[in-house]
Amino acid sequence: LSKRVRIDDLVDLNSRPSKMDEPWFPCRRDDWVLLSDGMRGKVTGISPELVQLIERGGAHRTYKTADFLALSPLNLSTNFRLKESIGITYNLQQPSVTSIPDILKDHIEKRVADEGYAEQLLNLRVEFERANTSSLDIVVIADFDGTLADIYNRLRRSIQRWCVEACTENGWEIPFTQLTLHQVEAVG
């Protein structure tokens, strides 16, 4: 496919100058990306027409470049943040905003080191998040180096596991969502 353009139509046209640090594409080959459709994979090929990803486990997925860009790729290889919450019962109301976040943070830091991720943990915060309907929620916010992008989901599961371990060790009950039914008395 080609298009002919008269030279006179090109005379006054010019490209804008590019800058040395200007990004040309949101990722490079071998970067791990997370797309808004939930797909997470390693970029194995980029062309003007197609972007190919490989998922953990080996499945390949190919996107038209425009479709890939429309899915707002989040490049995990540059560093990434995980936010995981855990709920505890309301009988822990006072310590949920004082001591529990600190104890949980210490536990997670120890487990991160035990599993060999201490060097890649860039920042860790544990805070009271909200008073939910059936629980008091604590949020774990962990920033990791992009070298761990390939185990993004494993780290999410690990944070949840570490939270459950801390709850078990400290006797903090994790509630289940409850549904309360009210019966209307018949007027008669």
Protein backbone atom coordinates (compact mmCIF):
# COMPACT_ATOMS: atom_id res chain seq x y z
CA LEU A 1 0.00 0.00 0.00
CA SER A 2 1.42 3.33 -0.99
CA LYS A 3 0.22 6.87 -1.38
CA ARG A 4 1.60 9.44 -3.77
CA VAL A 5 2.07 12.98 -2.54
CA ARG A 6 3.17 15.90 -4.63
CA ILE A 7 6.52 17.35 -3.58
CA ASP A 8 4.99 20.83 -3.40
CA ASP A 9 2.69 19.59 -0.61
CA LEU A 10 5.70 18.57 1.49
CA VAL A 11 7.76 21.74 1.19
CA ASP A 12 6.38 23.54 4.27
CA LEU A 13 6.04 20.42 6.44
CA ASN A 14 8.53 19.42 9.10
CA SER A 15 8.63 17.03 12.03
CA ARG A 16 8.82 18.33 15.54
CA PRO A 17 12.23 17.71 17.09
CA SER A 18 12.47 14.76 19.41
CA LYS A 19 14.18 14.83 22.79
CA MET A 20 16.81 12.35 23.96
CA ASP A 21 14.73 11.16 26.94
CA GLU A 22 11.40 11.09 25.09
CA PRO A 23 9.66 7.71 25.40
CA TRP A 24 8.72 6.18 22.08
CA PHE A 25 6.78 3.24 23.49
CA PRO A 26 5.58 2.36 27.02
CA CYS A 27 7.75 -0.75 27.22
CA ARG A 28 10.67 -2.57 25.71
CA ARG A 29 11.31 -6.16 24.82
CA ASP A 30 11.65 -8.33 27.98
CA ASP A 31 9.61 -5.91 30.14
CA TRP A 32 6.68 -7.28 32.15
CA VAL A 33 3.41 -5.42 31.65
CA LEU A 34 -0.04 -5.54 33.19
CA LEU A 35 -2.88 -4.57 30.86
CA SER A 36 -6.25 -3.14 31.86
CA ASP A 37 -7.91 -6.37 30.62
CA GLY A 38 -6.02 -8.25 33.37
CA MET A 39 -3.42 -9.79 31.06
CA ARG A 40 0.07 -9.86 32.54
CA GLY A 41 3.01 -10.97 30.49
CA LYS A 42 6.54 -10.49 29.30
CA VAL A 43 6.92 -8.53 26.07
CA THR A 44 8.62 -10.79 23.53
CA GLY A 45 8.07 -8.79 20.38
CA ILE A 46 7.21 -5.23 19.33
CA SER A 47 6.58 -4.05 15.81
CA PRO A 48 4.57 -1.18 14.33
CA GLU A 49 1.73 -3.66 13.75
CA LEU A 50 1.89 -6.16 16.65
CA VAL A 51 2.95 -6.64 20.27
CA GLN A 52 3.49 -10.18 21.51
CA LEU A 53 3.41 -11.20 25.17
CA ILE A 54 4.20 -14.48 26.84
CA GLU A 55 2.38 -15.36 30.05
CA ARG A 56 3.91 -17.31 32.90
CA GLY A 57 3.38 -20.90 31.91
CA GLY A 58 4.27 -20.20 28.29
CA ALA A 59 1.04 -19.12 26.56
CA HIS A 60 1.58 -16.45 23.91
CA ARG A 61 -0.81 -13.60 23.21
CA THR A 62 -0.58 -11.20 20.31
CA TYR A 63 -2.18 -7.74 20.20
CA LYS A 64 -2.45 -5.25 17.40
CA THR A 65 -0.24 -2.40 18.53
CA ALA A 66 -3.14 0.06 18.69
CA ASP A 67 -5.20 -2.41 20.78
CA PHE A 68 -2.23 -2.98 23.10
CA LEU A 69 -1.81 0.76 23.65
CA ALA A 70 -5.58 1.15 24.22
CA LEU A 71 -5.25 -1.29 27.16
CA SER A 72 -3.03 1.21 29.03
CA PRO A 73 -0.02 -1.03 29.69
CA LEU A 74 1.42 -0.69 33.16
CA ASN A 75 5.13 -1.43 32.96
CA LEU A 76 6.00 -3.50 36.04
CA SER A 77 9.67 -3.79 35.10
CA THR A 78 10.39 -0.23 36.19
CA ASN A 79 9.13 -0.90 39.79
CA PHE A 80 5.64 -1.61 41.05
CA ARG A 81 3.34 -1.23 44.03
CA LEU A 82 1.15 -3.87 45.63
CA LYS A 83 -1.75 -2.95 47.90
CA GLU A 84 -3.29 -5.82 49.84
CA SER A 85 -5.87 -5.57 52.61
CA ILE A 86 -6.84 -7.87 55.43
CA GLY A 87 -9.77 -7.49 57.79
CA ILE A 88 -9.77 -8.11 61.53
CA THR A 89 -12.69 -8.22 63.95
CA TYR A 90 -14.19 -5.19 65.64
CA ASN A 91 -13.15 -6.44 69.08
CA LEU A 92 -9.63 -5.29 68.03
CA GLN A 93 -10.80 -1.71 67.45
CA GLN A 94 -8.25 0.09 69.63
CA PRO A 95 -5.13 -1.88 68.63
CA SER A 96 -6.17 -1.76 64.95
CA VAL A 97 -5.12 1.88 64.84
CA THR A 98 -2.16 1.66 67.23
CA SER A 99 -0.13 -1.52 67.65
CA ILE A 100 -1.45 -3.94 65.01
CA PRO A 101 -0.08 -2.07 61.95
CA ASP A 102 3.41 -1.97 63.51
CA ILE A 103 3.35 -5.64 64.52
CA LEU A 104 2.10 -6.65 61.06
CA LYS A 105 4.78 -4.53 59.37
CA ASP A 106 7.53 -6.17 61.45
CA HIS A 107 6.17 -9.62 60.58
CA ILE A 108 6.05 -8.84 56.84
CA GLU A 109 9.57 -7.37 56.86
CA LYS A 110 10.86 -10.55 58.50
CA ARG A 111 9.06 -12.80 56.01
CA VAL A 112 10.28 -10.70 53.06
CA ALA A 113 13.84 -11.20 54.30
CA ASP A 114 13.28 -14.92 54.98
CA GLU A 115 12.09 -15.44 51.40
CA GLY A 116 14.98 -13.48 49.87
CA TYR A 117 13.18 -10.33 48.70
CA ALA A 118 14.61 -7.80 51.19
CA GLU A 119 16.93 -6.20 48.63
CA GLN A 120 14.04 -5.68 46.21
CA LEU A 121 11.57 -4.27 48.77
CA LEU A 122 11.84 -0.52 48.23
CA ASN A 123 9.19 0.66 50.68
CA LEU A 124 6.67 -0.91 53.05
CA ARG A 125 3.79 0.77 54.81
CA VAL A 126 1.08 -0.88 56.91
CA GLU A 127 -1.84 1.33 57.90
CA PHE A 128 -5.41 1.25 59.13
CA GLU A 129 -7.49 1.47 55.95
CA ARG A 130 -11.16 1.65 56.90
CA ALA A 131 -13.98 0.50 59.14
CA ASN A 132 -15.73 -1.92 56.81
CA THR A 133 -19.15 -3.52 57.30
CA SER A 134 -17.84 -6.73 58.91
CA SER A 135 -14.21 -5.91 59.62
CA LEU A 136 -11.59 -3.33 60.41
CA ASP A 137 -9.35 -3.34 57.35
CA ILE A 138 -5.57 -2.97 57.46
CA VAL A 139 -3.76 -2.21 54.20
CA VAL A 140 -0.25 -3.33 53.28
CA ILE A 141 1.42 -1.10 50.68
CA ALA A 142 4.63 -2.60 49.31
CA ASP A 143 6.84 -1.14 46.59
CA PHE A 144 9.13 -3.61 44.84
CA ASP A 145 11.99 -3.34 42.40
CA GLY A 146 10.97 -4.20 38.85
CA THR A 147 13.32 -7.18 38.82
CA LEU A 148 10.53 -9.06 40.64
CA ALA A 149 7.89 -8.22 38.00
CA ASP A 150 7.71 -11.83 36.82
CA ILE A 151 6.46 -12.93 40.27
CA TYR A 152 3.99 -10.06 40.74
CA ASN A 153 1.04 -12.35 41.54
CA ARG A 154 3.16 -14.62 43.75
CA LEU A 155 4.12 -11.58 45.83
CA ARG A 156 0.44 -10.58 46.15
CA ARG A 157 -0.38 -14.06 47.45
CA SER A 158 2.65 -14.00 49.75
CA ILE A 159 1.56 -10.73 51.34
CA GLN A 160 -1.87 -12.23 52.01
CA ARG A 161 -0.23 -15.36 53.47
CA TRP A 162 2.06 -13.29 55.68
CA CYS A 163 -0.94 -11.32 56.95
CA VAL A 164 -2.81 -14.52 57.83
CA GLU A 165 0.31 -15.86 59.57
CA ALA A 166 0.56 -12.70 61.67
CA CYS A 167 -3.13 -12.89 62.56
CA THR A 168 -2.73 -16.52 63.63
CA GLU A 169 0.43 -15.86 65.66
CA ASN A 170 -1.14 -12.88 67.44
CA GLY A 171 -4.66 -14.24 67.93
CA TRP A 172 -6.29 -11.63 65.69
CA GLU A 173 -9.54 -13.02 64.38
CA ILE A 174 -10.30 -12.62 60.68
CA PRO A 175 -14.08 -12.23 60.35
CA PHE A 176 -16.22 -13.55 57.57
CA THR A 177 -18.83 -11.40 55.89
CA GLN A 178 -22.10 -11.70 57.72
CA LEU A 179 -25.62 -11.23 56.46
CA THR A 180 -28.28 -10.22 58.95
CA LEU A 181 -31.92 -10.92 58.17
CA HIS A 182 -34.73 -9.07 59.86
CA GLN A 183 -38.17 -10.64 60.00
CA VAL A 184 -41.13 -8.33 59.76
CA GLU A 185 -43.87 -9.24 62.16
CA ALA A 186 -47.28 -9.60 60.61
CA VAL A 187 -49.80 -7.06 61.83
CA GLY A 188 -53.13 -8.71 62.34
